[in-house]
Amino acid sequence: MQAKIVRLSEQEHKSLGPLSYRQNLTGDDGLPVLTGVQTSLPGYRTKLHMHPYVECLFVLEGTMEAWLQGQEDSPERLGPGDMIALPANVPHVFRNAGDTPLRHLGIHASPTRIVHNVD
């Protein structure tokens, strides 16, 4: 058995629309979690969505606002070194709340990214 080394600089940019992309580090490779770094430009905002597992977002650079459905009026503001753990099956949103790129490490408690958008 060997440790797995993954270099972010070698990972493909997967577009999440015109203002964001994701670089997966693990997932669908035999490990029990999906991890990746997402880079989002100012103005980026997710749709209201949820996952059937816990999702943790750890801010590396920039400013994030995140909230659960029904808590739109009181978003949590996060900066570098902050993390939010989003519960399974609970709709949520996050956005770049600053004027510089937002970079965060996403940790999904699943080897595969599963997203359910909420209308």
PDB file of N, CA and C in Angstrom:
ATOM      1  N   MET A   1       0.847  -1.176   0.000  1.00  0.00           N
ATOM      2  CA  MET A   1       0.000   0.000   0.000  1.00  0.00           C
ATOM      3  C   MET A   1       0.897   1.245   0.000  1.00  0.00           C
ATOM      4  N   GLN A   2       0.486   2.268  -0.742  1.00  0.00           N
ATOM      5  CA  GLN A   2       1.232   3.511  -0.797  1.00  0.00           C
ATOM      6  C   GLN A   2       0.305   4.688  -0.546  1.00  0.00           C
ATOM      7  N   ALA A   3       0.884   5.772  -0.083  1.00  0.00           N
ATOM      8  CA  ALA A   3       0.118   7.006   0.074  1.00  0.00           C
ATOM      9  C   ALA A   3      -0.181   7.574  -1.309  1.00  0.00           C
ATOM     10  N   LYS A   4      -1.311   8.234  -1.447  1.00  0.00           N
ATOM     11  CA  LYS A   4      -1.706   8.846  -2.720  1.00  0.00           C
ATOM     12  C   LYS A   4      -1.272  10.304  -2.721  1.00  0.00           C
ATOM     13  N   ILE A   5      -0.524  10.695  -3.728  1.00  0.00           N
ATOM     14  CA  ILE A   5      -0.090  12.084  -3.893  1.00  0.00           C
ATOM     15  C   ILE A   5      -0.830  12.655  -5.101  1.00  0.00           C
ATOM     16  N   VAL A   6      -1.459  13.805  -4.919  1.00  0.00           N
ATOM     17  CA  VAL A   6      -2.160  14.483  -6.007  1.00  0.00           C
ATOM     18  C   VAL A   6      -1.680  15.924  -6.028  1.00  0.00           C
ATOM     19  N   ARG A   7      -1.308  16.403  -7.194  1.00  0.00           N
ATOM     20  CA  ARG A   7      -0.816  17.774  -7.326  1.00  0.00           C
ATOM     21  C   ARG A   7      -1.888  18.628  -8.003  1.00  0.00           C
ATOM     22  N   LEU A   8      -2.341  19.647  -7.297  1.00  0.00           N
ATOM     23  CA  LEU A   8      -3.390  20.517  -7.815  1.00  0.00           C
ATOM     24  C   LEU A   8      -3.005  21.083  -9.179  1.00  0.00           C
ATOM     25  N   SER A   9      -1.755  21.447  -9.342  1.00  0.00           N
ATOM     26  CA  SER A   9      -1.294  22.055 -10.598  1.00  0.00           C
ATOM     27  C   SER A   9      -1.441  21.126 -11.798  1.00  0.00           C
ATOM     28  N   GLU A  10      -1.612  19.842 -11.553  1.00  0.00           N
ATOM     29  CA  GLU A  10      -1.740  18.860 -12.642  1.00  0.00           C
ATOM     30  C   GLU A  10      -3.187  18.446 -12.908  1.00  0.00           C
ATOM     31  N   GLN A  11      -4.123  19.012 -12.164  1.00  0.00           N
ATOM     32  CA  GLN A  11      -5.519  18.587 -12.282  1.00  0.00           C
ATOM     33  C   GLN A  11      -6.274  19.434 -13.298  1.00  0.00           C
ATOM     34  N   GLU A  12      -7.144  18.762 -14.034  1.00  0.00           N
ATOM     35  CA  GLU A  12      -7.976  19.390 -15.068  1.00  0.00           C
ATOM     36  C   GLU A  12      -8.924  20.418 -14.454  1.00  0.00           C
ATOM     37  N   HIS A  13      -9.140  21.515 -15.160  1.00  0.00           N
ATOM     38  CA  HIS A  13     -10.139  22.517 -14.764  1.00  0.00           C
ATOM     39  C   HIS A  13     -11.487  22.064 -15.315  1.00  0.00           C
ATOM     40  N   LYS A  14     -12.453  21.815 -14.446  1.00  0.00           N
ATOM     41  CA  LYS A  14     -13.803  21.431 -14.862  1.00  0.00           C
ATOM     42  C   LYS A  14     -14.716  22.633 -14.658  1.00  0.00           C
ATOM     43  N   SER A  15     -15.247  23.151 -15.729  1.00  0.00           N
ATOM     44  CA  SER A  15     -16.058  24.363 -15.681  1.00  0.00           C
ATOM     45  C   SER A  15     -17.344  24.152 -14.894  1.00  0.00           C
ATOM     46  N   LEU A  16     -17.656  25.141 -14.071  1.00  0.00           N
ATOM     47  CA  LEU A  16     -18.933  25.190 -13.358  1.00  0.00           C
ATOM     48  C   LEU A  16     -19.719  26.410 -13.817  1.00  0.00           C
ATOM     49  N   GLY A  17     -19.492  26.819 -15.057  1.00  0.00           N
ATOM     50  CA  GLY A  17     -20.116  28.016 -15.607  1.00  0.00           C
ATOM     51  C   GLY A  17     -19.046  29.042 -15.905  1.00  0.00           C
ATOM     52  N   PRO A  18     -19.462  30.214 -16.345  1.00  0.00           N
ATOM     53  CA  PRO A  18     -18.476  31.212 -16.776  1.00  0.00           C
ATOM     54  C   PRO A  18     -17.651  31.822 -15.644  1.00  0.00           C
ATOM     55  N   LEU A  19     -18.080  31.677 -14.393  1.00  0.00           N
ATOM     56  CA  LEU A  19     -17.381  32.342 -13.295  1.00  0.00           C
ATOM     57  C   LEU A  19     -16.691  31.391 -12.326  1.00  0.00           C
ATOM     58  N   SER A  20     -16.658  30.089 -12.636  1.00  0.00           N
ATOM     59  CA  SER A  20     -16.101  29.152 -11.664  1.00  0.00           C
ATOM     60  C   SER A  20     -15.616  27.874 -12.325  1.00  0.00           C
ATOM     61  N   TYR A  21     -14.610  27.266 -11.710  1.00  0.00           N
ATOM     62  CA  TYR A  21     -14.160  25.937 -12.134  1.00  0.00           C
ATOM     63  C   TYR A  21     -13.691  25.159 -10.911  1.00  0.00           C
ATOM     64  N   ARG A  22     -13.645  23.845 -11.069  1.00  0.00           N
ATOM     65  CA  ARG A  22     -13.272  22.928  -9.994  1.00  0.00           C
ATOM     66  C   ARG A  22     -12.133  22.043 -10.486  1.00  0.00           C
ATOM     67  N   GLN A  23     -11.218  21.738  -9.592  1.00  0.00           N
ATOM     68  CA  GLN A  23     -10.146  20.793  -9.863  1.00  0.00           C
ATOM     69  C   GLN A  23     -10.264  19.677  -8.824  1.00  0.00           C
ATOM     70  N   ASN A  24     -10.683  18.491  -9.251  1.00  0.00           N
ATOM     71  CA  ASN A  24     -10.832  17.381  -8.324  1.00  0.00           C
ATOM     72  C   ASN A  24      -9.471  16.855  -7.899  1.00  0.00           C
ATOM     73  N   LEU A  25      -9.379  16.505  -6.627  1.00  0.00           N
ATOM     74  CA  LEU A  25      -8.173  15.900  -6.081  1.00  0.00           C
ATOM     75  C   LEU A  25      -8.378  14.405  -5.862  1.00  0.00           C
ATOM     76  N   THR A  26      -9.536  14.038  -5.328  1.00  0.00           N
ATOM     77  CA  THR A  26      -9.902  12.637  -5.166  1.00  0.00           C
ATOM     78  C   THR A  26     -11.353  12.477  -5.592  1.00  0.00           C
ATOM     79  N   GLY A  27     -11.754  11.248  -5.787  1.00  0.00           N
ATOM     80  CA  GLY A  27     -13.128  10.951  -6.168  1.00  0.00           C
ATOM     81  C   GLY A  27     -13.138   9.942  -7.296  1.00  0.00           C
ATOM     82  N   ASP A  28     -13.988   8.964  -7.202  1.00  0.00           N
ATOM     83  CA  ASP A  28     -14.074   7.899  -8.204  1.00  0.00           C
ATOM     84  C   ASP A  28     -12.721   7.218  -8.412  1.00  0.00           C
ATOM     85  N   ASP A  29     -11.909   7.179  -7.368  1.00  0.00           N
ATOM     86  CA  ASP A  29     -10.584   6.564  -7.474  1.00  0.00           C
ATOM     87  C   ASP A  29     -10.328   5.545  -6.368  1.00  0.00           C
ATOM     88  N   GLY A  30     -11.396   5.092  -5.727  1.00  0.00           N
ATOM     89  CA  GLY A  30     -11.252   4.106  -4.673  1.00  0.00           C
ATOM     90  C   GLY A  30     -11.213   4.691  -3.272  1.00  0.00           C
ATOM     91  N   LEU A  31     -11.046   6.004  -3.162  1.00  0.00           N
ATOM     92  CA  LEU A  31     -11.074   6.634  -1.844  1.00  0.00           C
ATOM     93  C   LEU A  31     -12.523   6.946  -1.468  1.00  0.00           C
ATOM     94  N   PRO A  32     -12.848   6.990  -0.176  1.00  0.00           N
ATOM     95  CA  PRO A  32     -14.246   7.155   0.234  1.00  0.00           C
ATOM     96  C   PRO A  32     -14.777   8.583   0.212  1.00  0.00           C
ATOM     97  N   VAL A  33     -13.950   9.565  -0.193  1.00  0.00           N
ATOM     98  CA  VAL A  33     -14.397  10.953  -0.232  1.00  0.00           C
ATOM     99  C   VAL A  33     -14.011  11.586  -1.561  1.00  0.00           C
ATOM    100  N   LEU A  34     -14.773  12.617  -1.932  1.00  0.00           N
ATOM    101  CA  LEU A  34     -14.455  13.445  -3.093  1.00  0.00           C
ATOM    102  C   LEU A  34     -13.915  14.749  -2.539  1.00  0.00           C
ATOM    103  N   THR A  35     -12.755  15.164  -3.011  1.00  0.00           N
ATOM    104  CA  THR A  35     -12.192  16.448  -2.615  1.00  0.00           C
ATOM    105  C   THR A  35     -11.806  17.210  -3.866  1.00  0.00           C
ATOM    106  N   GLY A  36     -11.852  18.524  -3.766  1.00  0.00           N
ATOM    107  CA  GLY A  36     -11.452  19.344  -4.891  1.00  0.00           C
ATOM    108  C   GLY A  36     -11.368  20.799  -4.484  1.00  0.00           C
ATOM    109  N   VAL A  37     -10.636  21.560  -5.268  1.00  0.00           N
ATOM    110  CA  VAL A  37     -10.515  22.990  -5.046  1.00  0.00           C
ATOM    111  C   VAL A  37     -11.346  23.706  -6.096  1.00  0.00           C
ATOM    112  N   GLN A  38     -12.235  24.565  -5.648  1.00  0.00           N
ATOM    113  CA  GLN A  38     -13.067  25.358  -6.547  1.00  0.00           C
ATOM    114  C   GLN A  38     -12.587  26.794  -6.505  1.00  0.00           C
ATOM    115  N   THR A  39     -12.452  27.394  -7.687  1.00  0.00           N
ATOM    116  CA  THR A  39     -12.084  28.798  -7.820  1.00  0.00           C
ATOM    117  C   THR A  39     -13.265  29.523  -8.435  1.00  0.00           C
ATOM    118  N   SER A  40     -13.727  30.590  -7.770  1.00  0.00           N
ATOM    119  CA  SER A  40     -14.914  31.323  -8.225  1.00  0.00           C
ATOM    120  C   SER A  40     -14.585  32.807  -8.275  1.00  0.00           C
ATOM    121  N   LEU A  41     -14.920  33.420  -9.387  1.00  0.00           N
ATOM    122  CA  LEU A  41     -14.684  34.848  -9.559  1.00  0.00           C
ATOM    123  C   LEU A  41     -15.777  35.661  -8.867  1.00  0.00           C
ATOM    124  N   PRO A  42     -15.516  36.953  -8.621  1.00  0.00           N
ATOM    125  CA  PRO A  42     -16.556  37.804  -8.033  1.00  0.00           C
ATOM    126  C   PRO A  42     -17.847  37.713  -8.850  1.00  0.00           C
ATOM    127  N   GLY A  43     -18.966  37.646  -8.143  1.00  0.00           N
ATOM    128  CA  GLY A  43     -20.264  37.517  -8.799  1.00  0.00           C
ATOM    129  C   GLY A  43     -20.776  36.089  -8.858  1.00  0.00           C
ATOM    130  N   TYR A  44     -19.924  35.101  -8.573  1.00  0.00           N
ATOM    131  CA  TYR A  44     -20.362  33.700  -8.625  1.00  0.00           C
ATOM    132  C   TYR A  44     -21.297  33.392  -7.465  1.00  0.00           C
ATOM    133  N   ARG A  45     -22.323  32.624  -7.766  1.00  0.00           N
ATOM    134  CA  ARG A  45     -23.277  32.150  -6.763  1.00  0.00           C
ATOM    135  C   ARG A  45     -23.829  30.819  -7.235  1.00  0.00           C
ATOM    136  N   THR A  46     -23.921  29.852  -6.335  1.00  0.00           N
ATOM    137  CA  THR A  46     -24.513  28.570  -6.694  1.00  0.00           C
ATOM    138  C   THR A  46     -26.024  28.714  -6.774  1.00  0.00           C
ATOM    139  N   LYS A  47     -26.643  27.770  -7.414  1.00  0.00           N
ATOM    140  CA  LYS A  47     -28.091  27.622  -7.319  1.00  0.00           C
ATOM    141  C   LYS A  47     -28.390  27.009  -5.957  1.00  0.00           C
ATOM    142  N   LEU A  48     -29.635  27.106  -5.517  1.00  0.00           N
ATOM    143  CA  LEU A  48     -30.071  26.395  -4.323  1.00  0.00           C
ATOM    144  C   LEU A  48     -29.960  24.910  -4.644  1.00  0.00           C
ATOM    145  N   HIS A  49     -29.188  24.182  -3.846  1.00  0.00           N
ATOM    146  CA  HIS A  49     -28.948  22.770  -4.135  1.00  0.00           C
ATOM    147  C   HIS A  49     -28.682  22.018  -2.832  1.00  0.00           C
ATOM    148  N   MET A  50     -28.602  20.698  -2.945  1.00  0.00           N
ATOM    149  CA  MET A  50     -28.283  19.863  -1.782  1.00  0.00           C
ATOM    150  C   MET A  50     -27.564  18.611  -2.244  1.00  0.00           C
ATOM    151  N   HIS A  51     -26.980  17.919  -1.284  1.00  0.00           N
ATOM    152  CA  HIS A  51     -26.273  16.661  -1.515  1.00  0.00           C
ATOM    153  C   HIS A  51     -26.811  15.630  -0.521  1.00  0.00           C
ATOM    154  N   PRO A  52     -26.810  14.344  -0.890  1.00  0.00           N
ATOM    155  CA  PRO A  52     -27.300  13.315   0.038  1.00  0.00           C
ATOM    156  C   PRO A  52     -26.224  12.877   1.041  1.00  0.00           C
ATOM    157  N   TYR A  53     -25.306  13.760   1.345  1.00  0.00           N
ATOM    158  CA  TYR A  53     -24.208  13.496   2.273  1.00  0.00           C
ATOM    159  C   TYR A  53     -23.716  14.849   2.794  1.00  0.00           C
ATOM    160  N   VAL A  54     -22.905  14.834   3.828  1.00  0.00           N
ATOM    161  CA  VAL A  54     -22.330  16.061   4.383  1.00  0.00           C
ATOM    162  C   VAL A  54     -21.299  16.623   3.406  1.00  0.00           C
ATOM    163  N   GLU A  55     -21.314  17.947   3.268  1.00  0.00           N
ATOM    164  CA  GLU A  55     -20.321  18.646   2.449  1.00  0.00           C
ATOM    165  C   GLU A  55     -19.636  19.674   3.345  1.00  0.00           C
ATOM    166  N   CYS A  56     -18.308  19.684   3.345  1.00  0.00           N
ATOM    167  CA  CYS A  56     -17.533  20.671   4.096  1.00  0.00           C
ATOM    168  C   CYS A  56     -16.811  21.570   3.106  1.00  0.00           C
ATOM    169  N   LEU A  57     -16.881  22.876   3.331  1.00  0.00           N
ATOM    170  CA  LEU A  57     -16.210  23.858   2.490  1.00  0.00           C
ATOM    171  C   LEU A  57     -15.210  24.617   3.356  1.00  0.00           C
ATOM    172  N   PHE A  58     -13.927  24.536   2.978  1.00  0.00           N
ATOM    173  CA  PHE A  58     -12.845  25.180   3.714  1.00  0.00           C
ATOM    174  C   PHE A  58     -12.279  26.292   2.849  1.00  0.00           C
ATOM    175  N   VAL A  59     -12.400  27.535   3.293  1.00  0.00           N
ATOM    176  CA  VAL A  59     -11.970  28.684   2.509  1.00  0.00           C
ATOM    177  C   VAL A  59     -10.448  28.814   2.548  1.00  0.00           C
ATOM    178  N   LEU A  60      -9.858  28.847   1.362  1.00  0.00           N
ATOM    179  CA  LEU A  60      -8.412  29.031   1.214  1.00  0.00           C
ATOM    180  C   LEU A  60      -8.053  30.491   0.965  1.00  0.00           C
ATOM    181  N   GLU A  61      -8.835  31.147   0.089  1.00  0.00           N
ATOM    182  CA  GLU A  61      -8.608  32.548  -0.269  1.00  0.00           C
ATOM    183  C   GLU A  61      -9.951  33.199  -0.547  1.00  0.00           C
ATOM    184  N   GLY A  62     -10.046  34.489  -0.261  1.00  0.00           N
ATOM    185  CA  GLY A  62     -11.251  35.237  -0.594  1.00  0.00           C
ATOM    186  C   GLY A  62     -12.288  35.202   0.513  1.00  0.00           C
ATOM    187  N   THR A  63     -13.513  35.591   0.130  1.00  0.00           N
ATOM    188  CA  THR A  63     -14.622  35.696   1.083  1.00  0.00           C
ATOM    189  C   THR A  63     -15.833  34.938   0.548  1.00  0.00           C
ATOM    190  N   MET A  64     -16.380  34.091   1.372  1.00  0.00           N
ATOM    191  CA  MET A  64     -17.562  33.290   1.021  1.00  0.00           C
ATOM    192  C   MET A  64     -18.711  33.674   1.933  1.00  0.00           C
ATOM    193  N   GLU A  65     -19.913  33.707   1.370  1.00  0.00           N
ATOM    194  CA  GLU A  65     -21.127  33.725   2.165  1.00  0.00           C
ATOM    195  C   GLU A  65     -21.879  32.453   1.849  1.00  0.00           C
ATOM    196  N   ALA A  66     -22.412  31.809   2.886  1.00  0.00           N
ATOM    197  CA  ALA A  66     -23.156  30.566   2.711  1.00  0.00           C
ATOM    198  C   ALA A  66     -24.362  30.585   3.639  1.00  0.00           C
ATOM    199  N   TRP A  67     -25.431  29.925   3.184  1.00  0.00           N
ATOM    200  CA  TRP A  67     -26.627  29.860   4.014  1.00  0.00           C
ATOM    201  C   TRP A  67     -27.450  28.644   3.641  1.00  0.00           C
ATOM    202  N   LEU A  68     -28.257  28.223   4.593  1.00  0.00           N
ATOM    203  CA  LEU A  68     -29.205  27.138   4.383  1.00  0.00           C
ATOM    204  C   LEU A  68     -30.526  27.735   3.928  1.00  0.00           C
ATOM    205  N   GLN A  69     -31.316  26.937   3.233  1.00  0.00           N
ATOM    206  CA  GLN A  69     -32.627  27.400   2.787  1.00  0.00           C
ATOM    207  C   GLN A  69     -33.407  27.933   3.989  1.00  0.00           C
ATOM    208  N   GLY A  70     -34.020  29.091   3.811  1.00  0.00           N
ATOM    209  CA  GLY A  70     -34.777  29.726   4.881  1.00  0.00           C
ATOM    210  C   GLY A  70     -33.942  30.673   5.740  1.00  0.00           C
ATOM    211  N   GLN A  71     -32.627  30.691   5.512  1.00  0.00           N
ATOM    212  CA  GLN A  71     -31.744  31.560   6.289  1.00  0.00           C
ATOM    213  C   GLN A  71     -31.047  32.585   5.396  1.00  0.00           C
ATOM    214  N   GLU A  72     -31.690  32.914   4.277  1.00  0.00           N
ATOM    215  CA  GLU A  72     -31.111  33.834   3.294  1.00  0.00           C
ATOM    216  C   GLU A  72     -30.788  35.198   3.886  1.00  0.00           C
ATOM    217  N   ASP A  73     -31.557  35.614   4.898  1.00  0.00           N
ATOM    218  CA  ASP A  73     -31.377  36.938   5.495  1.00  0.00           C
ATOM    219  C   ASP A  73     -30.232  36.988   6.500  1.00  0.00           C
ATOM    220  N   SER A  74     -29.642  35.842   6.813  1.00  0.00           N
ATOM    221  CA  SER A  74     -28.542  35.826   7.788  1.00  0.00           C
ATOM    222  C   SER A  74     -27.435  34.866   7.332  1.00  0.00           C
ATOM    223  N   PRO A  75     -26.807  35.182   6.188  1.00  0.00           N
ATOM    224  CA  PRO A  75     -25.749  34.288   5.692  1.00  0.00           C
ATOM    225  C   PRO A  75     -24.543  34.285   6.621  1.00  0.00           C
ATOM    226  N   GLU A  76     -23.832  33.170   6.618  1.00  0.00           N
ATOM    227  CA  GLU A  76     -22.568  33.073   7.353  1.00  0.00           C
ATOM    228  C   GLU A  76     -21.471  33.602   6.442  1.00  0.00           C
ATOM    229  N   ARG A  77     -20.593  34.424   6.975  1.00  0.00           N
ATOM    230  CA  ARG A  77     -19.483  34.995   6.205  1.00  0.00           C
ATOM    231  C   ARG A  77     -18.204  34.293   6.637  1.00  0.00           C
ATOM    232  N   LEU A  78     -17.460  33.760   5.662  1.00  0.00           N
ATOM    233  CA  LEU A  78     -16.255  33.004   5.944  1.00  0.00           C
ATOM    234  C   LEU A  78     -15.073  33.576   5.186  1.00  0.00           C
ATOM    235  N   GLY A  79     -13.910  33.495   5.800  1.00  0.00           N
ATOM    236  CA  GLY A  79     -12.678  33.931   5.173  1.00  0.00           C
ATOM    237  C   GLY A  79     -11.638  32.828   5.260  1.00  0.00           C
ATOM    238  N   PRO A  80     -10.419  33.113   4.822  1.00  0.00           N
ATOM    239  CA  PRO A  80      -9.366  32.094   4.830  1.00  0.00           C
ATOM    240  C   PRO A  80      -9.192  31.446   6.203  1.00  0.00           C
ATOM    241  N   GLY A  81      -9.179  30.119   6.196  1.00  0.00           N
ATOM    242  CA  GLY A  81      -9.052  29.355   7.436  1.00  0.00           C
ATOM    243  C   GLY A  81     -10.367  28.959   8.056  1.00  0.00           C
ATOM    244  N   ASP A  82     -11.487  29.463   7.519  1.00  0.00           N
ATOM    245  CA  ASP A  82     -12.813  29.111   8.042  1.00  0.00           C
ATOM    246  C   ASP A  82     -13.402  27.950   7.246  1.00  0.00           C
ATOM    247  N   MET A  83     -14.246  27.160   7.912  1.00  0.00           N
ATOM    248  CA  MET A  83     -14.915  26.040   7.262  1.00  0.00           C
ATOM    249  C   MET A  83     -16.383  26.016   7.666  1.00  0.00           C
ATOM    250  N   ILE A  84     -17.221  25.595   6.741  1.00  0.00           N
ATOM    251  CA  ILE A  84     -18.627  25.357   7.040  1.00  0.00           C
ATOM    252  C   ILE A  84     -18.939  23.915   6.682  1.00  0.00           C
ATOM    253  N   ALA A  85     -19.641  23.216   7.568  1.00  0.00           N
ATOM    254  CA  ALA A  85     -20.096  21.847   7.321  1.00  0.00           C
ATOM    255  C   ALA A  85     -21.588  21.918   7.038  1.00  0.00           C
ATOM    256  N   LEU A  86     -21.962  21.541   5.831  1.00  0.00           N
ATOM    257  CA  LEU A  86     -23.353  21.621   5.392  1.00  0.00           C
ATOM    258  C   LEU A  86     -24.002  20.248   5.542  1.00  0.00           C
ATOM    259  N   PRO A  87     -25.146  20.183   6.230  1.00  0.00           N
ATOM    260  CA  PRO A  87     -25.776  18.888   6.497  1.00  0.00           C
ATOM    261  C   PRO A  87     -26.333  18.232   5.239  1.00  0.00           C
ATOM    262  N   ALA A  88     -26.406  16.925   5.299  1.00  0.00           N
ATOM    263  CA  ALA A  88     -26.960  16.139   4.191  1.00  0.00           C
ATOM    264  C   ALA A  88     -28.426  16.488   3.966  1.00  0.00           C
ATOM    265  N   ASN A  89     -28.819  16.522   2.704  1.00  0.00           N
ATOM    266  CA  ASN A  89     -30.214  16.706   2.291  1.00  0.00           C
ATOM    267  C   ASN A  89     -30.835  18.020   2.742  1.00  0.00           C
ATOM    268  N   VAL A  90     -30.018  19.037   2.977  1.00  0.00           N
ATOM    269  CA  VAL A  90     -30.511  20.358   3.351  1.00  0.00           C
ATOM    270  C   VAL A  90     -30.092  21.343   2.261  1.00  0.00           C
ATOM    271  N   PRO A  91     -31.048  21.963   1.577  1.00  0.00           N
ATOM    272  CA  PRO A  91     -30.705  22.911   0.516  1.00  0.00           C
ATOM    273  C   PRO A  91     -29.872  24.080   1.049  1.00  0.00           C
ATOM    274  N   HIS A  92     -28.889  24.473   0.243  1.00  0.00           N
ATOM    275  CA  HIS A  92     -27.991  25.551   0.640  1.00  0.00           C
ATOM    276  C   HIS A  92     -27.459  26.284  -0.589  1.00  0.00           C
ATOM    277  N   VAL A  93     -26.838  27.418  -0.329  1.00  0.00           N
ATOM    278  CA  VAL A  93     -26.250  28.272  -1.362  1.00  0.00           C
ATOM    279  C   VAL A  93     -24.932  28.786  -0.811  1.00  0.00           C
ATOM    280  N   PHE A  94     -23.952  28.995  -1.685  1.00  0.00           N
ATOM    281  CA  PHE A  94     -22.791  29.790  -1.299  1.00  0.00           C
ATOM    282  C   PHE A  94     -22.413  30.678  -2.466  1.00  0.00           C
ATOM    283  N   ARG A  95     -21.705  31.766  -2.127  1.00  0.00           N
ATOM    284  CA  ARG A  95     -21.322  32.713  -3.161  1.00  0.00           C
ATOM    285  C   ARG A  95     -20.002  33.375  -2.817  1.00  0.00           C
ATOM    286  N   ASN A  96     -19.366  33.929  -3.850  1.00  0.00           N
ATOM    287  CA  ASN A  96     -18.196  34.759  -3.641  1.00  0.00           C
ATOM    288  C   ASN A  96     -18.720  36.109  -3.185  1.00  0.00           C
ATOM    289  N   ALA A  97     -18.391  36.487  -1.956  1.00  0.00           N
ATOM    290  CA  ALA A  97     -18.903  37.735  -1.384  1.00  0.00           C
ATOM    291  C   ALA A  97     -17.869  38.853  -1.424  1.00  0.00           C
ATOM    292  N   GLY A  98     -16.805  38.655  -2.181  1.00  0.00           N
ATOM    293  CA  GLY A  98     -15.756  39.658  -2.225  1.00  0.00           C
ATOM    294  C   GLY A  98     -15.483  40.148  -3.632  1.00  0.00           C
ATOM    295  N   ASP A  99     -14.415  40.914  -3.761  1.00  0.00           N
ATOM    296  CA  ASP A  99     -14.041  41.448  -5.068  1.00  0.00           C
ATOM    297  C   ASP A  99     -12.747  40.822  -5.593  1.00  0.00           C
ATOM    298  N   THR A 100     -12.348  39.697  -4.991  1.00  0.00           N
ATOM    299  CA  THR A 100     -11.210  38.915  -5.454  1.00  0.00           C
ATOM    300  C   THR A 100     -11.675  37.470  -5.631  1.00  0.00           C
ATOM    301  N   PRO A 101     -10.914  36.628  -6.330  1.00  0.00           N
ATOM    302  CA  PRO A 101     -11.325  35.237  -6.480  1.00  0.00           C
ATOM    303  C   PRO A 101     -11.480  34.536  -5.123  1.00  0.00           C
ATOM    304  N   LEU A 102     -12.460  33.669  -5.056  1.00  0.00           N
ATOM    305  CA  LEU A 102     -12.697  32.803  -3.902  1.00  0.00           C
ATOM    306  C   LEU A 102     -12.158  31.432  -4.254  1.00  0.00           C
ATOM    307  N   ARG A 103     -11.325  30.877  -3.396  1.00  0.00           N
ATOM    308  CA  ARG A 103     -10.837  29.504  -3.569  1.00  0.00           C
ATOM    309  C   ARG A 103     -11.180  28.742  -2.304  1.00  0.00           C
ATOM    310  N   HIS A 104     -11.812  27.593  -2.477  1.00  0.00           N
ATOM    311  CA  HIS A 104     -12.128  26.770  -1.316  1.00  0.00           C
ATOM    312  C   HIS A 104     -11.915  25.293  -1.631  1.00  0.00           C
ATOM    313  N   LEU A 105     -11.604  24.555  -0.592  1.00  0.00           N
ATOM    314  CA  LEU A 105     -11.469  23.109  -0.667  1.00  0.00           C
ATOM    315  C   LEU A 105     -12.817  22.517  -0.295  1.00  0.00           C
ATOM    316  N   GLY A 106     -13.400  21.746  -1.210  1.00  0.00           N
ATOM    317  CA  GLY A 106     -14.657  21.064  -0.934  1.00  0.00           C
ATOM    318  C   GLY A 106     -14.380  19.612  -0.589  1.00  0.00           C
ATOM    319  N   ILE A 107     -14.999  19.146   0.486  1.00  0.00           N
ATOM    320  CA  ILE A 107     -14.859  17.763   0.928  1.00  0.00           C
ATOM    321  C   ILE A 107     -16.250  17.163   0.980  1.00  0.00           C
ATOM    322  N   HIS A 108     -16.509  16.198   0.120  1.00  0.00           N
ATOM    323  CA  HIS A 108     -17.815  15.540   0.040  1.00  0.00           C
ATOM    324  C   HIS A 108     -17.696  14.163   0.675  1.00  0.00           C
ATOM    325  N   ALA A 109     -18.596  13.839   1.571  1.00  0.00           N
ATOM    326  CA  ALA A 109     -18.585  12.545   2.248  1.00  0.00           C
ATOM    327  C   ALA A 109     -19.157  11.468   1.331  1.00  0.00           C
ATOM    328  N   SER A 110     -18.595  11.392   0.133  1.00  0.00           N
ATOM    329  CA  SER A 110     -19.002  10.443  -0.895  1.00  0.00           C
ATOM    330  C   SER A 110     -17.876  10.418  -1.932  1.00  0.00           C
ATOM    331  N   PRO A 111     -17.628   9.295  -2.571  1.00  0.00           N
ATOM    332  CA  PRO A 111     -16.596   9.264  -3.607  1.00  0.00           C
ATOM    333  C   PRO A 111     -17.047   9.916  -4.914  1.00  0.00           C
ATOM    334  N   THR A 112     -18.341  10.179  -5.024  1.00  0.00           N
ATOM    335  CA  THR A 112     -18.918  10.749  -6.240  1.00  0.00           C
ATOM    336  C   THR A 112     -19.696  12.010  -5.869  1.00  0.00           C
ATOM    337  N   ARG A 113     -19.535  13.057  -6.668  1.00  0.00           N
ATOM    338  CA  ARG A 113     -20.269  14.303  -6.439  1.00  0.00           C
ATOM    339  C   ARG A 113     -21.706  14.136  -6.925  1.00  0.00           C
ATOM    340  N   ILE A 114     -22.650  14.287  -6.020  1.00  0.00           N
ATOM    341  CA  ILE A 114     -24.071  14.160  -6.322  1.00  0.00           C
ATOM    342  C   ILE A 114     -24.731  15.475  -5.941  1.00  0.00           C
ATOM    343  N   VAL A 115     -25.350  16.145  -6.904  1.00  0.00           N
ATOM    344  CA  VAL A 115     -25.968  17.441  -6.662  1.00  0.00           C
ATOM    345  C   VAL A 115     -27.427  17.383  -7.086  1.00  0.00           C
ATOM    346  N   HIS A 116     -28.314  17.821  -6.209  1.00  0.00           N
ATOM    347  CA  HIS A 116     -29.731  17.930  -6.528  1.00  0.00           C
ATOM    348  C   HIS A 116     -30.110  19.406  -6.452  1.00  0.00           C
ATOM    349  N   ASN A 117     -30.387  20.018  -7.611  1.00  0.00           N
ATOM    350  CA  ASN A 117     -30.817  21.405  -7.625  1.00  0.00           C
ATOM    351  C   ASN A 117     -32.255  21.506  -7.143  1.00  0.00           C
ATOM    352  N   VAL A 118     -32.549  22.580  -6.413  1.00  0.00           N
ATOM    353  CA  VAL A 118     -33.883  22.822  -5.873  1.00  0.00           C
ATOM    354  C   VAL A 118     -34.489  23.971  -6.656  1.00  0.00           C
ATOM    355  N   ASP A 119     -35.696  23.779  -7.167  1.00  0.00           N
ATOM    356  CA  ASP A 119     -36.349  24.840  -7.951  1.00  0.00           C
ATOM    357  C   ASP A 119     -36.944  25.895  -7.053  1.00  0.00           C
TER     358      ASP A 119
END
